[in-house]
């Protein structure tokens, strides 16, 4: 059964051992094969010439060895589509070359040449089927020999590898069914499914089981005195088996490669996600530290420099009361005005570093009547602030980040123009966890000329803070409706005693419109 009109299984054994064994073992392997081939050569080929006998015995191994040496031996257990395609190409080339060589040897020995092409086809396709049936199966066994921890259940496709062989045997076992045509066609469907679903290892085992099943069926029909009816035309069964086997192995190798790449991409995505989470946590921590430094610096300026300026203004006022010189009084008044102006600038700087209203009264009041509103109104811009939902319950660190984003956007709007109108809207849907929050900042400035490759410091600061929040952020340079859009999920809201009452829709809080 190793050599029939359909296959020549030793060809697969030859290719697999050449691809697996070290080169130093090739010649001992060749000696063993030549000895075995010499015993069966006369019965198989019926050669009379000793020279023809020697050529028929030695040339197949030499051809296979030469092609394997040129193509390269396997150095990995992961069979990519490229590797599988190369091995099938080696098998096809070796099968054709061996078929041609054996056919020439037989012809030179005096065998009639009228069926030379038929012999060539039978030898070549038989070798190719043997290669596809035996070589991948030996590679599977080699894997499990090297790594005993491999799971046979995965290799066997959880038992599905037997489906094609079962289809072949069961259909042929039907009463009156001795035709190989339909069983072969039907068994090829689960074979291709196994190749796609479970990869080349399961496909290799399935091909081996199909070969075993065919042998058992042929033996069974021989015992019953009912030889199989090969209703394919001469050579069609062999060709069909070769095409289906090659297609299944290529599909299997490609499926394995896709799975390996998908696993690598999934691992990389998980690693990138973990790194992104770490970067986000780092950005949040740095922003929190920055706010603490701002708060500390603001307090230092207020307690030290602010009090000094207040003391200077008080001393100047006392000096004004004591002097009777109008010129000196005028100079002192100018100095006192300068100190008052500087004190106002200091208060603005302190509010910019860390607004007292945000700490004392929360985000809603800080945006509606705090320094942001004052800055916009002082610039002659109509300001509108809309708060929807339980925004006062937003955690302090998120509230600070939202305030900074709104503050930066308002500063940019006043500096670069906003069409005389600016609206800040924060909407938060209430709930226990994962509350969606949306920030929209709208103006009437129309399209802005903002180079895409060079963002300003303010816009970059907004993006960085949005990234630290894990928020989706968009800046619209074409229209101010809205100009800035940010959306995020607030993980948990802070408890509020006023929420003890039954839930009810919260009316939006608005800042008064400025004329």
Protein backbone atom coordinates (compact mmCIF):
# COMPACT_ATOMS: atom_id res chain seq x y z
CA UNK A 1 0.00 0.00 0.00
CA UNK A 2 3.01 2.32 0.22
CA UNK A 3 3.13 2.41 -3.56
CA UNK A 4 -0.05 2.21 -5.62
CA UNK A 5 -1.43 3.63 -8.79
CA UNK A 6 -2.56 6.64 -6.77
CA UNK A 7 0.43 7.53 -4.57
CA UNK A 8 4.02 6.76 -3.70
CA UNK A 9 4.25 7.39 0.06
CA UNK A 10 8.05 6.88 0.40
CA UNK A 11 8.47 10.15 -1.52
CA UNK A 12 6.91 12.02 1.41
CA UNK A 13 9.11 10.13 3.87
CA UNK A 14 12.15 11.04 1.78
CA UNK A 15 11.30 14.76 1.62
CA UNK A 16 10.45 15.02 5.32
CA UNK A 17 13.62 13.30 6.52
CA UNK A 18 15.77 15.43 4.22
CA UNK A 19 14.08 18.58 5.55
CA UNK A 20 14.35 17.54 9.20
CA UNK A 21 17.56 15.55 9.66
CA UNK A 22 21.00 17.18 9.85
CA UNK A 23 23.06 17.02 6.67
CA UNK A 24 25.55 14.66 8.31
CA UNK A 25 22.82 11.99 8.47
CA UNK A 26 21.80 12.31 4.83
CA UNK A 27 24.19 9.71 3.47
CA UNK A 28 23.32 7.01 6.03
CA UNK A 29 19.68 7.70 5.24
CA UNK A 30 20.46 7.42 1.52
CA UNK A 31 22.13 4.06 2.05
CA UNK A 32 19.09 2.74 3.89
CA UNK A 33 16.72 3.99 1.19
CA UNK A 34 18.85 2.62 -1.63
CA UNK A 35 18.99 -0.79 0.03
CA UNK A 36 15.21 -0.87 0.45
CA UNK A 37 14.62 0.45 -3.07
CA UNK A 38 16.95 -2.15 -4.58
CA UNK A 39 14.85 -4.93 -3.07
CA UNK A 40 11.66 -3.67 -4.70
CA UNK A 41 13.01 -2.04 -7.85
CA UNK A 42 13.00 -5.15 -10.00
CA UNK A 43 9.45 -6.05 -8.99
CA UNK A 44 8.20 -2.51 -9.51
CA UNK A 45 9.94 -1.48 -12.70
CA UNK A 46 10.92 -4.83 -14.24
CA UNK A 47 14.35 -3.55 -15.24
CA UNK A 48 16.88 -5.88 -16.80
CA UNK A 49 19.93 -3.62 -17.12
CA UNK A 50 22.08 -3.29 -13.96
CA UNK A 51 22.88 0.32 -14.94
CA UNK A 52 19.19 1.13 -15.28
CA UNK A 53 18.57 -0.52 -11.92
CA UNK A 54 21.27 1.56 -10.22
CA UNK A 55 19.95 4.79 -11.79
CA UNK A 56 16.36 4.01 -10.83
CA UNK A 57 17.39 3.32 -7.24
CA UNK A 58 19.75 6.26 -6.65
CA UNK A 59 18.47 9.11 -8.81
CA UNK A 60 15.22 9.90 -6.88
CA UNK A 61 17.07 10.45 -3.62
CA UNK A 62 19.76 12.55 -5.32
CA UNK A 63 17.12 14.73 -6.99
CA UNK A 64 15.21 15.30 -3.73
CA UNK A 65 18.40 15.96 -1.78
CA UNK A 66 19.62 18.50 -4.31
CA UNK A 67 16.35 20.44 -4.35
CA UNK A 68 16.00 20.42 -0.56
CA UNK A 69 19.58 21.65 -0.22
CA UNK A 70 18.90 24.51 -2.65
CA UNK A 71 15.55 25.47 -1.09
CA UNK A 72 16.79 25.23 2.49
CA UNK A 73 15.80 23.01 5.39
CA UNK A 74 13.20 23.87 8.00
CA UNK A 75 14.51 25.95 10.91
CA UNK A 76 11.17 26.78 12.51
CA UNK A 77 8.07 24.95 13.65
CA UNK A 78 5.77 27.72 12.39
CA UNK A 79 4.81 26.90 8.81
CA UNK A 80 4.04 30.17 7.06
CA UNK A 81 2.28 30.26 3.69
CA UNK A 82 5.63 31.14 2.10
CA UNK A 83 7.37 28.17 3.73
CA UNK A 84 4.54 25.80 2.85
CA UNK A 85 4.46 27.08 -0.72
CA UNK A 86 8.21 26.58 -0.99
CA UNK A 87 7.97 23.02 0.33
CA UNK A 88 5.16 22.16 -2.06
CA UNK A 89 7.19 23.67 -4.88
CA UNK A 90 10.16 21.53 -3.86
CA UNK A 91 7.90 18.48 -3.72
CA UNK A 92 6.37 19.26 -7.11
CA UNK A 93 9.75 19.91 -8.71
CA UNK A 94 11.27 16.79 -7.19
CA UNK A 95 8.25 14.69 -8.20
CA UNK A 96 8.35 15.89 -11.81
CA UNK A 97 12.13 15.53 -12.04
CA UNK A 98 12.00 12.06 -10.47
CA UNK A 99 9.15 11.01 -12.75
CA UNK A 100 11.06 12.22 -15.78
CA UNK A 101 14.27 10.48 -14.66
CA UNK A 102 12.57 7.16 -13.91
CA UNK A 103 10.63 7.32 -17.18
CA UNK A 104 13.86 7.88 -19.13
CA UNK A 105 15.55 5.02 -17.28
CA UNK A 106 12.67 2.69 -18.05
CA UNK A 107 12.67 3.74 -21.71
CA UNK A 108 16.44 3.23 -22.00
CA UNK A 109 16.01 -0.25 -20.56
CA UNK A 110 13.89 -1.18 -23.55
CA UNK A 111 10.35 -0.68 -22.23
CA UNK A 112 7.99 0.49 -25.04
CA UNK A 113 7.66 4.29 -25.22
CA UNK A 114 4.06 4.49 -26.39
CA UNK A 115 2.86 5.35 -22.87
CA UNK A 116 5.81 7.49 -21.76
CA UNK A 117 3.70 10.54 -20.86
CA UNK A 118 1.32 8.38 -18.86
CA UNK A 119 4.22 6.91 -16.91
CA UNK A 120 5.68 10.38 -16.30
CA UNK A 121 2.33 11.66 -15.05
CA UNK A 122 1.75 8.64 -12.80
CA UNK A 123 5.23 8.82 -11.25
CA UNK A 124 5.11 12.62 -10.73
CA UNK A 125 1.60 12.83 -9.29
CA UNK A 126 2.14 9.72 -7.17
CA UNK A 127 5.25 11.27 -5.64
CA UNK A 128 3.46 14.59 -5.06
CA UNK A 129 0.55 12.92 -3.27
CA UNK A 130 3.00 10.96 -1.16
CA UNK A 131 4.79 14.20 -0.29
CA UNK A 132 1.57 15.93 0.80
CA UNK A 133 0.36 12.90 2.75
CA UNK A 134 3.49 11.93 4.68
CA UNK A 135 5.81 14.97 4.95
CA UNK A 136 3.47 17.31 6.93
CA UNK A 137 2.44 14.41 9.18
CA UNK A 138 6.08 13.70 10.04
CA UNK A 139 6.59 17.39 10.83
CA UNK A 140 3.67 17.19 13.27
CA UNK A 141 5.21 14.15 14.96
CA UNK A 142 8.54 15.96 15.10
CA UNK A 143 6.91 18.90 16.90
CA UNK A 144 5.39 16.66 19.54
CA UNK A 145 8.68 14.79 19.91
CA UNK A 146 10.60 18.03 20.52
CA UNK A 147 7.89 19.58 22.71
CA UNK A 148 5.95 16.88 24.63
CA UNK A 149 3.82 19.56 26.30
CA UNK A 150 1.96 20.26 23.05
CA UNK A 151 -1.72 19.50 23.32
CA UNK A 152 -2.74 16.64 21.04
CA UNK A 153 -6.36 17.77 21.30
CA UNK A 154 -5.47 20.99 19.48
CA UNK A 155 -3.38 19.13 16.91
CA UNK A 156 -6.26 16.73 16.27
CA UNK A 157 -8.74 19.58 15.99
CA UNK A 158 -10.67 18.18 18.96
CA UNK A 159 -11.35 15.05 16.96
CA UNK A 160 -12.60 16.75 13.80
CA UNK A 161 -9.60 15.53 11.78
CA UNK A 162 -11.35 12.20 11.32
CA UNK A 163 -14.36 13.72 9.52
CA UNK A 164 -12.99 13.53 5.93
CA UNK A 165 -11.83 9.92 6.37
CA UNK A 166 -15.15 8.98 7.96
CA UNK A 167 -17.02 10.55 5.06
CA UNK A 168 -14.89 8.57 2.62
CA UNK A 169 -15.30 5.24 4.43
CA UNK A 170 -18.98 5.58 5.31
CA UNK A 171 -20.06 6.63 1.83
CA UNK A 172 -18.08 3.81 0.23
CA UNK A 173 -19.63 1.39 2.72
CA UNK A 174 -23.11 2.15 1.41
CA UNK A 175 -24.70 -0.76 -0.46
CA UNK A 176 -23.76 -0.70 -4.13
CA UNK A 177 -21.27 2.17 -3.65
CA UNK A 178 -17.94 1.23 -5.18
CA UNK A 179 -17.37 4.49 -7.00
CA UNK A 180 -14.52 6.67 -5.68
CA UNK A 181 -15.78 9.77 -7.44
CA UNK A 182 -18.43 11.06 -5.03
CA UNK A 183 -16.74 10.03 -1.76
CA UNK A 184 -13.56 11.87 -2.75
CA UNK A 185 -15.49 14.99 -3.71
CA UNK A 186 -17.56 14.98 -0.52
CA UNK A 187 -14.62 14.25 1.80
CA UNK A 188 -12.72 17.24 0.38
CA UNK A 189 -15.25 19.67 1.90
CA UNK A 190 -14.57 18.85 5.58
CA UNK A 191 -10.86 18.68 4.75
CA UNK A 192 -10.86 22.30 3.56
CA UNK A 193 -12.92 23.32 6.59
CA UNK A 194 -10.42 21.64 8.92
CA UNK A 195 -7.57 23.39 7.12
CA UNK A 196 -9.21 26.79 7.60
CA UNK A 197 -10.43 26.21 11.14
CA UNK A 198 -7.60 24.24 12.78
CA UNK A 199 -4.50 24.92 10.67
CA UNK A 200 -1.83 22.84 8.96
CA UNK A 201 -1.25 20.36 11.79
CA UNK A 202 -4.84 19.15 11.85
CA UNK A 203 -4.87 19.21 8.04
CA UNK A 204 -1.76 17.00 7.93
CA UNK A 205 -3.31 14.47 10.31
CA UNK A 206 -6.55 14.54 8.32
CA UNK A 207 -4.70 13.85 5.06
CA UNK A 208 -2.98 10.90 6.71
CA UNK A 209 -6.29 9.53 7.95
CA UNK A 210 -7.79 9.89 4.47
CA UNK A 211 -4.90 7.84 3.08
CA UNK A 212 -5.38 5.23 5.80
CA UNK A 213 -9.12 5.15 5.20
CA UNK A 214 -8.64 4.63 1.49
CA UNK A 215 -6.24 1.75 2.15
CA UNK A 216 -8.71 0.09 4.51
CA UNK A 217 -11.55 0.53 2.04
CA UNK A 218 -9.48 -0.92 -0.79
CA UNK A 219 -8.50 -3.88 1.39
CA UNK A 220 -12.13 -4.38 2.39
CA UNK A 221 -13.35 -4.30 -1.19
CA UNK A 222 -10.57 -6.69 -2.18
CA UNK A 223 -11.66 -9.19 0.46
CA UNK A 224 -15.24 -8.85 -0.73
CA UNK A 225 -14.17 -9.46 -4.30
CA UNK A 226 -15.49 -6.04 -5.42
CA UNK A 227 -12.63 -3.90 -6.72
CA UNK A 228 -13.11 -0.14 -6.54
CA UNK A 229 -14.49 1.44 -9.68
CA UNK A 230 -12.29 4.42 -10.47
CA UNK A 231 -14.77 6.17 -12.73
CA UNK A 232 -12.47 9.12 -13.11
CA UNK A 233 -10.61 9.10 -16.38
CA UNK A 234 -7.04 7.82 -16.16
CA UNK A 235 -5.01 10.13 -13.93
CA UNK A 236 -7.95 12.34 -12.91
CA UNK A 237 -8.24 10.87 -9.42
CA UNK A 238 -4.54 11.40 -8.77
CA UNK A 239 -4.66 14.93 -10.15
CA UNK A 240 -7.76 15.77 -8.14
CA UNK A 241 -6.22 14.43 -4.92
CA UNK A 242 -3.02 16.39 -5.55
CA UNK A 243 -4.88 19.65 -6.19
CA UNK A 244 -7.16 19.25 -3.16
CA UNK A 245 -4.26 18.28 -0.89
CA UNK A 246 -2.09 21.20 -2.02
CA UNK A 247 -4.98 23.65 -1.67
CA UNK A 248 -5.81 22.37 1.81
CA UNK A 249 -2.21 22.68 3.01
CA UNK A 250 -1.86 26.20 1.61
CA UNK A 251 -5.16 27.27 3.16
CA UNK A 252 -4.10 25.71 6.46
CA UNK A 253 -0.70 27.42 6.47
CA UNK A 254 -2.31 30.75 5.58
CA UNK A 255 -4.90 30.33 8.35
CA UNK A 256 -2.14 29.60 10.86
CA UNK A 257 -0.17 32.63 9.69
CA UNK A 258 -3.25 34.83 10.08
CA UNK A 259 -3.83 33.46 13.57
CA UNK A 260 -0.21 34.07 14.55
CA UNK A 261 -0.35 37.62 13.19
CA UNK A 262 -3.70 38.25 14.88
CA UNK A 263 -2.29 37.02 18.16
CA UNK A 264 0.76 39.26 17.74
CA UNK A 265 -1.44 42.24 16.88
CA UNK A 266 -3.69 41.49 19.85
CA UNK A 267 -0.69 41.24 22.18
CA UNK A 268 0.74 44.47 20.79
CA UNK A 269 -2.63 46.20 21.16
CA UNK A 270 -2.89 45.08 24.77
CA UNK A 271 0.64 46.29 25.43
CA UNK A 272 -0.05 49.64 23.77
CA UNK A 273 -3.29 49.94 25.72
CA UNK A 274 -1.45 49.26 28.97
CA UNK A 275 1.21 51.82 28.03
CA UNK A 276 -1.50 54.33 27.10
CA UNK A 277 -3.13 53.77 30.47
CA UNK A 278 0.21 54.27 32.19
CA UNK A 279 0.85 57.46 30.21
CA UNK A 280 -2.64 58.69 31.02
CA UNK A 281 -2.11 57.99 34.70
CA UNK A 282 1.24 59.75 34.53
CA UNK A 283 -0.30 62.74 32.77
CA UNK A 284 -3.07 62.90 35.37
CA UNK A 285 -0.55 62.66 38.18
CA UNK A 286 1.61 65.40 36.64
CA UNK A 287 -1.44 67.61 36.12
CA UNK A 288 -2.43 67.07 39.75
CA UNK A 289 1.08 67.92 40.90
CA UNK A 290 1.05 70.98 38.67
CA UNK A 291 -2.23 72.13 40.23
CA UNK A 292 -0.77 71.61 43.69
CA UNK A 293 2.26 73.68 42.73
CA UNK A 294 0.00 76.36 41.27
CA UNK A 295 -2.09 76.39 44.45
CA UNK A 296 1.03 76.59 46.61
CA UNK A 297 2.56 79.34 44.47
CA UNK A 298 -0.70 81.28 44.44
CA UNK A 299 -0.94 81.04 48.22
CA UNK A 300 2.67 82.19 48.60
CA UNK A 301 2.10 85.16 46.30
CA UNK A 302 -1.11 86.07 48.10
CA UNK A 303 0.34 85.75 51.58
CA UNK A 304 3.70 87.40 50.90
CA UNK A 305 3.65 89.71 47.89
CA UNK A 306 -0.05 90.50 48.19
CA UNK A 307 0.28 91.58 51.81
CA UNK A 308 3.40 93.59 51.00
CA UNK A 309 1.52 95.48 48.28
CA UNK A 310 -1.35 96.10 50.66
CA UNK A 311 1.13 97.43 53.22
CA UNK A 312 2.77 99.68 50.60
CA UNK A 313 -0.61 101.07 49.54
CA UNK A 314 -1.50 101.74 53.20
CA UNK A 315 1.82 103.54 53.83
CA UNK A 316 1.33 105.68 50.74
CA UNK A 317 -2.17 106.64 51.86
CA UNK A 318 -0.82 107.64 55.30
CA UNK A 319 1.91 109.73 53.67
CA UNK A 320 -0.71 111.48 51.55
CA UNK A 321 -2.57 112.50 54.68
CA UNK A 322 0.56 113.93 56.29
CA UNK A 323 1.85 115.99 53.37
CA UNK A 324 0.60 119.44 52.45
CA UNK A 325 2.59 119.73 49.25
CA UNK A 326 0.28 119.32 46.30
CA UNK A 327 3.07 118.16 44.00
CA UNK A 328 4.18 115.48 46.45
CA UNK A 329 0.57 114.49 47.06
CA UNK A 330 0.09 114.05 43.31
CA UNK A 331 3.22 111.88 43.07
CA UNK A 332 2.08 109.75 46.00
CA UNK A 333 -1.33 109.32 44.39
CA UNK A 334 0.34 108.12 41.19
CA UNK A 335 2.44 105.66 43.17
CA UNK A 336 -0.61 104.42 45.05
CA UNK A 337 -2.46 103.90 41.76
CA UNK A 338 0.49 101.96 40.37
CA UNK A 339 0.54 99.76 43.47
CA UNK A 340 -3.22 99.22 43.19
CA UNK A 341 -2.88 98.29 39.52
CA UNK A 342 0.01 95.95 40.28
CA UNK A 343 -2.04 94.42 43.09
CA UNK A 344 -4.86 93.83 40.61
CA UNK A 345 -2.45 92.17 38.19
CA UNK A 346 -1.19 90.03 41.04
CA UNK A 347 -4.75 88.95 41.89
CA UNK A 348 -5.31 88.06 38.23
CA UNK A 349 -2.10 86.02 38.18
CA UNK A 350 -3.13 84.25 41.40
CA UNK A 351 -6.54 83.49 39.96
CA UNK A 352 -4.90 82.17 36.81
CA UNK A 353 -2.57 79.99 38.85
CA UNK A 354 -5.40 78.59 40.92
CA UNK A 355 -8.79 80.31 41.06
CA UNK A 356 -10.05 80.67 44.59
CA UNK A 357 -13.63 80.44 43.36
CA UNK A 358 -12.99 76.91 42.01
CA UNK A 359 -11.76 75.70 45.39
CA UNK A 360 -14.37 77.51 47.47
CA UNK A 361 -17.50 77.33 45.32
CA UNK A 362 -16.89 74.57 42.76
CA UNK A 363 -16.80 74.29 38.98
CA UNK A 364 -20.26 75.66 38.21
CA UNK A 365 -19.82 78.98 40.00
CA UNK A 366 -16.20 79.30 38.87
CA UNK A 367 -17.34 79.18 35.24
CA UNK A 368 -20.55 81.20 35.55
CA UNK A 369 -19.33 84.17 37.62
CA UNK A 370 -15.64 83.46 38.25
CA UNK A 371 -12.45 84.77 36.64
CA UNK A 372 -13.24 83.24 33.24
CA UNK A 373 -16.54 85.09 33.05
CA UNK A 374 -14.90 88.31 34.25
CA UNK A 375 -12.12 88.07 31.66
CA UNK A 376 -14.57 87.48 28.80
CA UNK A 377 -16.92 90.26 29.90
CA UNK A 378 -14.07 92.71 30.39
CA UNK A 379 -13.11 92.06 26.75
CA UNK A 380 -16.59 93.17 25.67
CA UNK A 381 -17.70 89.68 24.66
CA UNK A 382 -21.20 88.34 25.26
CA UNK A 383 -20.74 85.34 27.55
CA UNK A 384 -23.08 82.43 28.17
CA UNK A 385 -22.41 79.44 30.43
CA UNK A 386 -24.84 76.51 30.47
CA UNK A 387 -24.57 73.67 32.99
CA UNK A 388 -26.81 70.61 32.59
CA UNK A 389 -26.99 67.70 35.00
CA UNK A 390 -25.21 66.99 38.30
CA UNK A 391 -21.97 68.73 37.30
CA UNK A 392 -21.32 69.92 40.90
CA UNK A 393 -20.77 66.27 41.85
CA UNK A 394 -17.88 65.80 39.41
CA UNK A 395 -14.67 64.78 41.28
CA UNK A 396 -12.35 67.65 42.09
CA UNK A 397 -9.47 66.52 39.86
CA UNK A 398 -11.76 66.23 36.82
CA UNK A 399 -13.42 69.55 37.66
CA UNK A 400 -10.01 71.23 37.77
CA UNK A 401 -9.05 69.80 34.37
CA UNK A 402 -12.37 70.90 32.84
CA UNK A 403 -11.91 74.36 34.27
CA UNK A 404 -8.40 74.61 32.84
CA UNK A 405 -9.64 73.53 29.41
CA UNK A 406 -12.45 76.10 29.50
CA UNK A 407 -10.05 78.75 30.78
CA UNK A 408 -7.54 78.09 27.98
CA UNK A 409 -10.27 78.06 25.33
CA UNK A 410 -11.73 81.32 26.65
CA UNK A 411 -8.28 82.94 26.70
CA UNK A 412 -7.69 81.91 23.08
CA UNK A 413 -11.13 83.18 22.10
CA UNK A 414 -10.52 86.59 23.65
CA UNK A 415 -7.00 86.80 22.25
CA UNK A 416 -7.74 85.68 18.68
CA UNK A 417 -11.35 86.80 18.35
CA UNK A 418 -14.64 85.04 18.91
CA UNK A 419 -17.12 87.11 16.94
CA UNK A 420 -18.39 88.84 20.08
CA UNK A 421 -19.91 85.69 21.56
CA UNK A 422 -18.65 82.80 23.65
CA UNK A 423 -20.64 79.97 25.19
CA UNK A 424 -19.38 77.21 27.49
CA UNK A 425 -21.74 74.27 27.93
CA UNK A 426 -21.21 71.25 30.16
CA UNK A 427 -23.76 68.42 30.10
CA UNK A 428 -23.56 65.44 32.43
CA UNK A 429 -25.99 62.54 32.43
CA UNK A 430 -26.64 61.37 35.97
CA UNK A 431 -26.03 57.80 37.10
CA UNK A 432 -23.96 55.67 39.41
CA UNK A 433 -20.94 54.85 37.19
CA UNK A 434 -19.72 55.70 33.72
CA UNK A 435 -21.58 59.01 33.51
CA UNK A 436 -21.10 60.58 30.05
CA UNK A 437 -19.97 64.19 30.20
CA UNK A 438 -19.80 66.53 27.21
CA UNK A 439 -18.10 69.92 27.03
CA UNK A 440 -18.93 72.26 24.15
CA UNK A 441 -17.36 75.69 23.65
CA UNK A 442 -19.02 77.76 20.93
CA UNK A 443 -18.14 81.10 19.34
CA UNK A 444 -19.18 83.19 16.33
CA UNK A 445 -15.72 83.74 14.84
CA UNK A 446 -16.33 81.52 11.81
CA UNK A 447 -13.40 79.83 10.11
CA UNK A 448 -9.96 80.18 11.70
CA UNK A 449 -6.63 79.89 9.92
CA UNK A 450 -4.87 77.32 12.09
CA UNK A 451 -1.91 75.43 10.53
CA UNK A 452 -2.51 71.71 11.00
CA UNK A 453 1.20 70.99 11.39
CA UNK A 454 1.81 73.65 14.05
CA UNK A 455 -0.57 73.89 16.97
CA UNK A 456 -0.37 76.77 19.40
CA UNK A 457 0.61 76.31 23.02
CA UNK A 458 -2.95 76.84 24.23
CA UNK A 459 -4.52 74.33 21.86
CA UNK A 460 -1.82 71.78 22.62
CA UNK A 461 -2.43 72.30 26.34
CA UNK A 462 -6.14 71.55 25.80
CA UNK A 463 -5.29 68.37 23.89
CA UNK A 464 -2.86 67.24 26.59
CA UNK A 465 -5.43 67.74 29.32
CA UNK A 466 -8.08 65.93 27.30
CA UNK A 467 -5.68 63.00 26.85
CA UNK A 468 -4.99 62.98 30.57
CA UNK A 469 -8.74 62.71 31.16
CA UNK A 470 -9.04 59.91 28.63
CA UNK A 471 -11.52 62.07 26.73
CA UNK A 472 -12.34 62.28 23.05
CA UNK A 473 -11.52 65.80 21.85
CA UNK A 474 -12.10 67.66 18.59
CA UNK A 475 -11.13 71.16 17.55
CA UNK A 476 -13.13 72.66 14.69
CA UNK A 477 -11.20 75.32 12.79
CA UNK A 478 -13.90 75.66 10.10
CA UNK A 479 -16.75 76.60 12.39
CA UNK A 480 -17.28 77.66 15.96
CA UNK A 481 -20.46 75.61 16.31
CA UNK A 482 -18.87 74.22 18.43
CA UNK A 483 -15.23 75.26 18.33
CA UNK A 484 -14.15 72.79 20.99
CA UNK A 485 -15.88 69.47 21.70
CA UNK A 486 -14.87 67.08 24.45
CA UNK A 487 -16.57 63.92 25.65
CA UNK A 488 -15.58 61.57 28.43
CA UNK A 489 -17.03 59.25 31.05
CA UNK A 490 -16.89 60.26 34.68
CA UNK A 491 -16.20 57.01 36.58
CA UNK A 492 -18.09 57.98 39.74
CA UNK A 493 -19.80 61.07 41.10
CA UNK A 494 -19.20 62.46 44.54
CA UNK A 495 -22.11 62.04 46.98
CA UNK A 496 -24.36 65.01 47.51
CA UNK A 497 -26.70 65.42 50.43
CA UNK A 498 -29.23 67.16 48.20
CA UNK A 499 -29.55 63.94 46.19
CA UNK A 500 -31.42 62.27 49.02
CA UNK A 501 -34.62 63.55 47.45
CA UNK A 502 -36.15 61.54 44.58
CA UNK A 503 -34.35 61.95 41.26
CA UNK A 504 -35.74 64.72 39.09
CA UNK A 505 -34.51 66.46 35.96
CA UNK A 506 -32.00 69.15 36.85
CA UNK A 507 -32.74 72.50 35.27
CA UNK A 508 -29.79 73.98 33.40
CA UNK A 509 -27.75 76.62 35.22
CA UNK A 510 -26.95 79.64 33.09
CA UNK A 511 -24.76 82.66 33.48
CA UNK A 512 -26.54 85.96 32.88
CA UNK A 513 -26.21 87.33 29.34
CA UNK A 514 -24.07 90.41 28.98
CA UNK A 515 -25.20 93.13 26.70
